[in-house]
Amino acid sequence: MARYCFWGFQVEIEERITKEWYARAEMWDCDCGDCRNFLEIAKEGRLPVPVMETLSDLGIPPEKATYVCNLYSDGEGFHYQFSYRIAGHILNEGRIGTVSQAWGAMDCGHEVYPYGAPDFPLPHFDLEFYVVLPWVLEEPSGGR
């Protein structure tokens, strides 16, 4: 296992298992406007640089999130939560809460709705990101 530190979270990752799962995984497949908006941004590589770098280091395509949700929108933009499942362990679990950064926030934990990863091997955890994104689709946002 390889050791990483993500914004204070100490983790051990089974890199080979994680990369192999994502090589077989499908892209996030919800077709609602909010998810399609996220996917467009992810496919274009327009997520915040620290998110893109972390995913790249782990060999995870950004459009293969295992959970995506537009939590709400306001004058800043569209507040998304999105996750990526990782094979491994959180070594300091429960000692750090959500970590805020200039680009958004992140957490390591266990997403209770892993719609995109029901077959992910154990043990695992989730990298969860909280980011404000723009609306990039030509269609309206659906009144959010």
N, C-alpha and C. Protein backbone atom coordinates (compact mmCIF):
# COMPACT_ATOMS: atom_id res chain seq x y z
N MET A 1 0.84 -1.19 0.00
CA MET A 1 0.00 0.00 0.00
C MET A 1 0.88 1.24 0.00
N ALA A 2 0.42 2.25 -0.72
CA ALA A 2 1.12 3.54 -0.76
C ALA A 2 0.47 4.49 0.24
N ARG A 3 1.28 5.28 0.90
CA ARG A 3 0.75 6.27 1.85
C ARG A 3 0.65 7.63 1.19
N TYR A 4 -0.46 8.31 1.47
CA TYR A 4 -0.70 9.65 0.97
C TYR A 4 -1.19 10.51 2.13
N CYS A 5 -1.04 11.82 1.96
CA CYS A 5 -1.64 12.77 2.87
C CYS A 5 -2.48 13.73 2.03
N PHE A 6 -3.79 13.72 2.24
CA PHE A 6 -4.70 14.62 1.55
C PHE A 6 -5.21 15.64 2.55
N TRP A 7 -4.64 16.83 2.53
CA TRP A 7 -5.09 17.93 3.38
C TRP A 7 -5.25 17.51 4.84
N GLY A 8 -4.27 16.77 5.35
CA GLY A 8 -4.28 16.33 6.74
C GLY A 8 -4.79 14.91 6.95
N PHE A 9 -5.46 14.34 5.98
CA PHE A 9 -5.93 12.96 6.08
C PHE A 9 -4.80 12.03 5.68
N GLN A 10 -4.39 11.19 6.60
CA GLN A 10 -3.38 10.17 6.32
C GLN A 10 -4.10 8.92 5.84
N VAL A 11 -3.72 8.44 4.65
CA VAL A 11 -4.39 7.27 4.08
C VAL A 11 -3.37 6.29 3.52
N GLU A 12 -3.79 5.04 3.44
CA GLU A 12 -3.04 4.01 2.71
C GLU A 12 -3.93 3.58 1.56
N ILE A 13 -3.34 3.55 0.37
CA ILE A 13 -4.11 3.26 -0.84
C ILE A 13 -3.53 2.06 -1.57
N GLU A 14 -4.42 1.17 -1.97
CA GLU A 14 -4.06 0.07 -2.87
C GLU A 14 -4.18 0.64 -4.28
N GLU A 15 -3.08 1.18 -4.78
CA GLU A 15 -3.10 1.89 -6.07
C GLU A 15 -3.51 0.98 -7.22
N ARG A 16 -2.99 -0.24 -7.28
CA ARG A 16 -3.30 -1.14 -8.38
C ARG A 16 -4.79 -1.46 -8.42
N ILE A 17 -5.37 -1.78 -7.26
CA ILE A 17 -6.80 -2.12 -7.20
C ILE A 17 -7.65 -0.91 -7.60
N THR A 18 -7.28 0.26 -7.12
CA THR A 18 -8.02 1.48 -7.47
C THR A 18 -7.96 1.74 -8.96
N LYS A 19 -6.77 1.71 -9.55
CA LYS A 19 -6.61 1.96 -10.99
C LYS A 19 -7.35 0.93 -11.83
N GLU A 20 -7.27 -0.33 -11.43
CA GLU A 20 -7.96 -1.38 -12.20
C GLU A 20 -9.47 -1.19 -12.16
N TRP A 21 -10.02 -0.81 -11.01
CA TRP A 21 -11.46 -0.61 -10.92
C TRP A 21 -11.88 0.55 -11.83
N TYR A 22 -11.16 1.67 -11.78
CA TYR A 22 -11.52 2.82 -12.60
C TYR A 22 -11.30 2.56 -14.09
N ALA A 23 -10.37 1.68 -14.45
CA ALA A 23 -10.17 1.34 -15.86
C ALA A 23 -11.41 0.64 -16.41
N ARG A 24 -12.13 -0.11 -15.57
CA ARG A 24 -13.35 -0.82 -15.98
C ARG A 24 -14.61 0.00 -15.78
N ALA A 25 -14.55 1.00 -14.92
CA ALA A 25 -15.74 1.75 -14.51
C ALA A 25 -16.31 2.59 -15.66
N GLU A 26 -17.60 2.77 -15.58
CA GLU A 26 -18.29 3.65 -16.52
C GLU A 26 -18.25 5.08 -15.98
N MET A 27 -18.49 6.02 -16.86
CA MET A 27 -18.63 7.41 -16.46
C MET A 27 -19.91 7.55 -15.62
N TRP A 28 -19.94 8.53 -14.71
CA TRP A 28 -21.14 8.81 -13.93
C TRP A 28 -22.30 8.90 -14.91
N ASP A 29 -23.41 8.19 -14.64
CA ASP A 29 -24.42 8.04 -15.69
C ASP A 29 -25.77 8.68 -15.43
N CYS A 30 -25.89 9.53 -14.44
CA CYS A 30 -27.16 10.23 -14.25
C CYS A 30 -27.31 11.25 -15.38
N ASP A 31 -28.50 11.34 -15.97
CA ASP A 31 -28.68 12.25 -17.09
C ASP A 31 -29.46 13.52 -16.73
N CYS A 32 -29.58 13.81 -15.43
CA CYS A 32 -30.23 15.08 -15.05
C CYS A 32 -29.30 16.23 -15.43
N GLY A 33 -29.85 17.41 -15.56
CA GLY A 33 -29.06 18.57 -15.96
C GLY A 33 -27.92 18.88 -15.02
N ASP A 34 -28.15 18.76 -13.71
CA ASP A 34 -27.08 19.04 -12.75
C ASP A 34 -25.89 18.10 -12.94
N CYS A 35 -26.16 16.82 -13.13
CA CYS A 35 -25.08 15.85 -13.31
C CYS A 35 -24.40 16.03 -14.67
N ARG A 36 -25.18 16.30 -15.70
CA ARG A 36 -24.58 16.55 -17.02
C ARG A 36 -23.69 17.78 -16.98
N ASN A 37 -24.09 18.79 -16.21
CA ASN A 37 -23.26 19.99 -16.05
C ASN A 37 -21.93 19.63 -15.39
N PHE A 38 -21.99 18.84 -14.29
CA PHE A 38 -20.77 18.38 -13.64
C PHE A 38 -19.89 17.61 -14.61
N LEU A 39 -20.48 16.67 -15.35
CA LEU A 39 -19.71 15.84 -16.27
C LEU A 39 -19.02 16.67 -17.35
N GLU A 40 -19.71 17.66 -17.86
CA GLU A 40 -19.11 18.53 -18.88
C GLU A 40 -17.86 19.21 -18.32
N ILE A 41 -17.96 19.74 -17.11
CA ILE A 41 -16.83 20.40 -16.46
C ILE A 41 -15.71 19.39 -16.20
N ALA A 42 -16.07 18.21 -15.70
CA ALA A 42 -15.07 17.18 -15.39
C ALA A 42 -14.36 16.71 -16.64
N LYS A 43 -15.11 16.42 -17.71
CA LYS A 43 -14.50 15.94 -18.95
C LYS A 43 -13.56 16.97 -19.57
N GLU A 44 -13.89 18.24 -19.40
CA GLU A 44 -13.05 19.31 -19.92
C GLU A 44 -11.85 19.62 -19.02
N GLY A 45 -11.75 18.93 -17.88
CA GLY A 45 -10.65 19.16 -16.95
C GLY A 45 -10.72 20.51 -16.25
N ARG A 46 -11.96 20.99 -16.01
CA ARG A 46 -12.14 22.33 -15.43
C ARG A 46 -12.49 22.30 -13.94
N LEU A 47 -12.32 21.15 -13.29
CA LEU A 47 -12.46 21.12 -11.84
C LEU A 47 -11.27 21.85 -11.24
N PRO A 48 -11.32 22.28 -9.99
CA PRO A 48 -10.18 22.98 -9.39
C PRO A 48 -8.88 22.18 -9.54
N VAL A 49 -7.79 22.89 -9.75
CA VAL A 49 -6.49 22.26 -9.98
C VAL A 49 -6.14 21.23 -8.90
N PRO A 50 -6.30 21.52 -7.61
CA PRO A 50 -5.96 20.49 -6.61
C PRO A 50 -6.77 19.20 -6.76
N VAL A 51 -8.03 19.32 -7.17
CA VAL A 51 -8.85 18.13 -7.40
C VAL A 51 -8.30 17.37 -8.59
N MET A 52 -8.05 18.06 -9.68
CA MET A 52 -7.53 17.42 -10.90
C MET A 52 -6.19 16.75 -10.64
N GLU A 53 -5.31 17.42 -9.89
CA GLU A 53 -3.99 16.84 -9.60
C GLU A 53 -4.11 15.59 -8.75
N THR A 54 -4.97 15.62 -7.74
CA THR A 54 -5.17 14.46 -6.88
C THR A 54 -5.69 13.28 -7.69
N LEU A 55 -6.70 13.51 -8.50
CA LEU A 55 -7.26 12.44 -9.32
C LEU A 55 -6.23 11.90 -10.31
N SER A 56 -5.46 12.78 -10.91
CA SER A 56 -4.41 12.37 -11.85
C SER A 56 -3.38 11.50 -11.15
N ASP A 57 -2.95 11.91 -9.95
CA ASP A 57 -1.97 11.12 -9.19
C ASP A 57 -2.48 9.71 -8.90
N LEU A 58 -3.79 9.57 -8.75
CA LEU A 58 -4.40 8.27 -8.43
C LEU A 58 -4.85 7.51 -9.68
N GLY A 59 -4.70 8.11 -10.85
CA GLY A 59 -5.13 7.46 -12.08
C GLY A 59 -6.63 7.39 -12.24
N ILE A 60 -7.35 8.38 -11.71
CA ILE A 60 -8.81 8.38 -11.76
C ILE A 60 -9.30 9.44 -12.74
N PRO A 61 -10.03 9.06 -13.79
CA PRO A 61 -10.63 10.05 -14.68
C PRO A 61 -11.70 10.85 -13.93
N PRO A 62 -11.67 12.17 -13.99
CA PRO A 62 -12.61 12.98 -13.21
C PRO A 62 -14.09 12.72 -13.54
N GLU A 63 -14.39 12.26 -14.73
CA GLU A 63 -15.78 12.01 -15.10
C GLU A 63 -16.31 10.68 -14.53
N LYS A 64 -15.46 9.92 -13.84
CA LYS A 64 -15.87 8.65 -13.26
C LYS A 64 -16.12 8.76 -11.76
N ALA A 65 -16.74 9.86 -11.36
CA ALA A 65 -17.11 10.04 -9.95
C ALA A 65 -18.03 8.90 -9.53
N THR A 66 -17.99 8.57 -8.25
CA THR A 66 -18.87 7.52 -7.73
C THR A 66 -20.09 8.11 -7.03
N TYR A 67 -20.13 9.43 -6.90
CA TYR A 67 -21.30 10.13 -6.37
C TYR A 67 -21.22 11.58 -6.82
N VAL A 68 -22.35 12.14 -7.27
CA VAL A 68 -22.42 13.55 -7.68
C VAL A 68 -23.76 14.11 -7.21
N CYS A 69 -23.72 15.30 -6.62
CA CYS A 69 -24.96 15.96 -6.20
C CYS A 69 -24.77 17.47 -6.22
N ASN A 70 -25.68 18.17 -6.87
CA ASN A 70 -25.72 19.63 -6.77
C ASN A 70 -26.52 19.91 -5.51
N LEU A 71 -25.86 20.36 -4.46
CA LEU A 71 -26.52 20.57 -3.18
C LEU A 71 -27.46 21.76 -3.22
N TYR A 72 -27.02 22.87 -3.81
CA TYR A 72 -27.85 24.07 -3.95
C TYR A 72 -27.12 25.05 -4.85
N SER A 73 -27.81 26.10 -5.23
CA SER A 73 -27.17 27.16 -6.01
C SER A 73 -27.49 28.50 -5.34
N ASP A 74 -26.61 29.44 -5.57
CA ASP A 74 -26.80 30.79 -5.05
C ASP A 74 -26.03 31.75 -5.96
N GLY A 75 -25.79 32.95 -5.51
CA GLY A 75 -25.09 33.94 -6.31
C GLY A 75 -23.66 33.56 -6.65
N GLU A 76 -23.07 32.65 -5.89
CA GLU A 76 -21.70 32.21 -6.18
C GLU A 76 -21.65 31.20 -7.32
N GLY A 77 -22.70 30.40 -7.47
CA GLY A 77 -22.72 29.34 -8.48
C GLY A 77 -23.46 28.13 -7.96
N PHE A 78 -23.06 26.96 -8.44
CA PHE A 78 -23.71 25.69 -8.12
C PHE A 78 -22.80 24.91 -7.18
N HIS A 79 -23.30 24.64 -5.98
CA HIS A 79 -22.52 24.00 -4.93
C HIS A 79 -22.66 22.48 -5.05
N TYR A 80 -21.60 21.85 -5.52
CA TYR A 80 -21.60 20.41 -5.77
C TYR A 80 -20.84 19.66 -4.68
N GLN A 81 -21.31 18.45 -4.42
CA GLN A 81 -20.56 17.45 -3.68
C GLN A 81 -20.33 16.32 -4.68
N PHE A 82 -19.10 15.85 -4.77
CA PHE A 82 -18.81 14.70 -5.62
C PHE A 82 -17.71 13.88 -4.98
N SER A 83 -17.77 12.56 -5.21
CA SER A 83 -16.89 11.63 -4.52
C SER A 83 -16.23 10.67 -5.50
N TYR A 84 -15.12 10.11 -5.03
CA TYR A 84 -14.39 9.07 -5.74
C TYR A 84 -14.01 8.01 -4.72
N ARG A 85 -14.38 6.76 -5.00
CA ARG A 85 -14.08 5.66 -4.09
C ARG A 85 -12.63 5.22 -4.31
N ILE A 86 -11.95 4.90 -3.20
CA ILE A 86 -10.54 4.55 -3.21
C ILE A 86 -10.35 3.25 -2.43
N ALA A 87 -9.55 2.32 -2.96
CA ALA A 87 -9.22 1.10 -2.23
C ALA A 87 -8.17 1.43 -1.18
N GLY A 88 -8.48 1.15 0.08
CA GLY A 88 -7.51 1.41 1.13
C GLY A 88 -8.17 1.79 2.44
N HIS A 89 -7.38 2.47 3.30
CA HIS A 89 -7.80 2.83 4.65
C HIS A 89 -7.49 4.29 4.95
N ILE A 90 -8.32 4.90 5.77
CA ILE A 90 -8.02 6.20 6.37
C ILE A 90 -7.33 5.90 7.70
N LEU A 91 -6.10 6.37 7.86
CA LEU A 91 -5.34 6.05 9.06
C LEU A 91 -5.73 6.91 10.26
N ASN A 92 -6.16 8.13 10.01
CA ASN A 92 -6.54 9.02 11.12
C ASN A 92 -8.03 9.36 11.04
N GLU A 93 -8.84 8.37 10.74
CA GLU A 93 -10.29 8.56 10.60
C GLU A 93 -10.91 9.10 11.89
N GLY A 94 -11.81 10.05 11.73
CA GLY A 94 -12.52 10.62 12.85
C GLY A 94 -11.77 11.73 13.57
N ARG A 95 -10.55 12.01 13.16
CA ARG A 95 -9.75 13.04 13.83
C ARG A 95 -9.77 14.37 13.11
N ILE A 96 -10.23 14.37 11.87
CA ILE A 96 -10.26 15.59 11.06
C ILE A 96 -11.64 15.69 10.44
N GLY A 97 -12.21 16.86 10.43
CA GLY A 97 -13.49 17.06 9.75
C GLY A 97 -13.26 17.53 8.33
N THR A 98 -14.28 18.07 7.73
CA THR A 98 -14.15 18.61 6.38
C THR A 98 -13.13 19.74 6.41
N VAL A 99 -12.22 19.72 5.44
CA VAL A 99 -11.13 20.69 5.38
C VAL A 99 -11.44 21.71 4.29
N SER A 100 -11.56 22.97 4.68
CA SER A 100 -11.84 24.05 3.72
C SER A 100 -10.54 24.55 3.09
N GLN A 101 -10.63 24.86 1.82
CA GLN A 101 -9.52 25.42 1.06
C GLN A 101 -10.06 26.59 0.24
N ALA A 102 -9.19 27.36 -0.37
CA ALA A 102 -9.63 28.49 -1.20
C ALA A 102 -10.50 28.02 -2.37
N TRP A 103 -10.27 26.83 -2.87
CA TRP A 103 -10.98 26.30 -4.03
C TRP A 103 -12.25 25.54 -3.66
N GLY A 104 -12.50 25.26 -2.38
CA GLY A 104 -13.66 24.49 -1.95
C GLY A 104 -13.34 23.77 -0.66
N ALA A 105 -13.72 22.51 -0.57
CA ALA A 105 -13.45 21.71 0.63
C ALA A 105 -13.35 20.24 0.24
N MET A 106 -12.77 19.46 1.16
CA MET A 106 -12.67 18.02 0.92
C MET A 106 -12.76 17.28 2.24
N ASP A 107 -13.07 16.01 2.12
CA ASP A 107 -13.20 15.14 3.29
C ASP A 107 -12.83 13.73 2.85
N CYS A 108 -12.35 12.95 3.76
CA CYS A 108 -12.17 11.51 3.54
C CYS A 108 -13.14 10.82 4.47
N GLY A 109 -13.93 9.93 3.93
CA GLY A 109 -14.92 9.26 4.75
C GLY A 109 -15.54 8.11 4.01
N HIS A 110 -16.79 7.84 4.32
CA HIS A 110 -17.51 6.72 3.73
C HIS A 110 -18.86 7.24 3.23
N GLU A 111 -18.95 7.47 1.93
CA GLU A 111 -20.18 7.95 1.30
C GLU A 111 -21.25 6.89 1.46
N VAL A 112 -22.40 7.29 1.95
CA VAL A 112 -23.48 6.33 2.19
C VAL A 112 -24.28 6.01 0.92
N TYR A 113 -24.10 6.78 -0.13
CA TYR A 113 -24.81 6.54 -1.39
C TYR A 113 -23.81 6.33 -2.52
N PRO A 114 -23.12 5.22 -2.54
CA PRO A 114 -22.12 5.00 -3.59
C PRO A 114 -22.76 4.44 -4.87
N TYR A 115 -23.67 5.21 -5.44
CA TYR A 115 -24.40 4.72 -6.61
C TYR A 115 -23.47 4.24 -7.71
N GLY A 116 -22.36 4.91 -7.89
CA GLY A 116 -21.46 4.56 -8.98
C GLY A 116 -20.44 3.51 -8.64
N ALA A 117 -20.48 2.92 -7.42
CA ALA A 117 -19.45 1.96 -7.04
C ALA A 117 -19.98 0.82 -6.18
N PRO A 118 -21.11 0.21 -6.55
CA PRO A 118 -21.65 -0.84 -5.69
C PRO A 118 -20.76 -2.08 -5.61
N ASP A 119 -19.90 -2.27 -6.60
CA ASP A 119 -19.05 -3.47 -6.65
C ASP A 119 -17.60 -3.18 -6.24
N PHE A 120 -17.36 -2.03 -5.62
CA PHE A 120 -15.98 -1.66 -5.29
C PHE A 120 -15.45 -2.61 -4.20
N PRO A 121 -14.22 -3.12 -4.37
CA PRO A 121 -13.69 -4.06 -3.38
C PRO A 121 -13.41 -3.42 -2.02
N LEU A 122 -13.52 -4.22 -0.98
CA LEU A 122 -13.20 -3.79 0.38
C LEU A 122 -11.73 -4.05 0.65
N PRO A 123 -11.14 -3.29 1.55
CA PRO A 123 -11.62 -2.09 2.23
C PRO A 123 -11.53 -0.89 1.31
N HIS A 124 -12.36 0.12 1.59
CA HIS A 124 -12.32 1.32 0.78
C HIS A 124 -12.79 2.52 1.59
N PHE A 125 -12.55 3.70 1.01
CA PHE A 125 -13.05 4.96 1.57
C PHE A 125 -13.35 5.87 0.40
N ASP A 126 -13.90 7.05 0.69
CA ASP A 126 -14.26 7.98 -0.37
C ASP A 126 -13.57 9.32 -0.17
N LEU A 127 -13.02 9.84 -1.27
CA LEU A 127 -12.56 11.22 -1.31
C LEU A 127 -13.77 12.05 -1.71
N GLU A 128 -14.20 12.95 -0.84
CA GLU A 128 -15.37 13.78 -1.12
C GLU A 128 -14.93 15.22 -1.29
N PHE A 129 -15.40 15.82 -2.36
CA PHE A 129 -15.08 17.21 -2.64
C PHE A 129 -16.35 18.05 -2.62
N TYR A 130 -16.22 19.29 -2.16
CA TYR A 130 -17.31 20.26 -2.13
C TYR A 130 -16.81 21.50 -2.86
N VAL A 131 -17.38 21.76 -4.03
CA VAL A 131 -16.85 22.79 -4.92
C VAL A 131 -18.00 23.58 -5.54
N VAL A 132 -17.81 24.88 -5.69
CA VAL A 132 -18.76 25.72 -6.42
C VAL A 132 -18.35 25.71 -7.88
N LEU A 133 -19.28 25.33 -8.74
CA LEU A 133 -19.01 25.24 -10.18
C LEU A 133 -19.96 26.16 -10.94
N PRO A 134 -19.54 26.58 -12.12
CA PRO A 134 -20.44 27.39 -12.96
C PRO A 134 -21.43 26.48 -13.70
N TRP A 135 -22.44 27.08 -14.27
CA TRP A 135 -23.34 26.36 -15.18
C TRP A 135 -22.78 26.53 -16.57
N VAL A 136 -22.42 25.42 -17.23
CA VAL A 136 -21.79 25.49 -18.54
C VAL A 136 -22.66 24.97 -19.68
N LEU A 137 -23.78 24.32 -19.35
CA LEU A 137 -24.65 23.81 -20.39
C LEU A 137 -25.43 24.95 -21.03
N GLU A 138 -25.80 24.78 -22.29
CA GLU A 138 -26.57 25.81 -22.97
C GLU A 138 -28.01 25.87 -22.50
N GLU A 139 -28.49 24.78 -21.93
CA GLU A 139 -29.87 24.76 -21.41
C GLU A 139 -29.92 25.44 -20.05
N PRO A 140 -31.08 25.91 -19.65
CA PRO A 140 -31.20 26.53 -18.31
C PRO A 140 -31.00 25.51 -17.22
N SER A 141 -30.67 25.98 -16.03
CA SER A 141 -30.35 25.11 -14.91
C SER A 141 -31.57 24.44 -14.28
N GLY A 142 -32.72 24.67 -14.76
CA GLY A 142 -33.92 24.05 -14.18
C GLY A 142 -34.48 24.84 -13.01
N GLY A 143 -34.15 26.14 -12.96
CA GLY A 143 -34.72 27.00 -11.94
C GLY A 143 -34.04 26.94 -10.59
N ARG A 144 -32.90 26.29 -10.51
CA ARG A 144 -32.20 26.21 -9.23
C ARG A 144 -31.53 27.51 -8.89
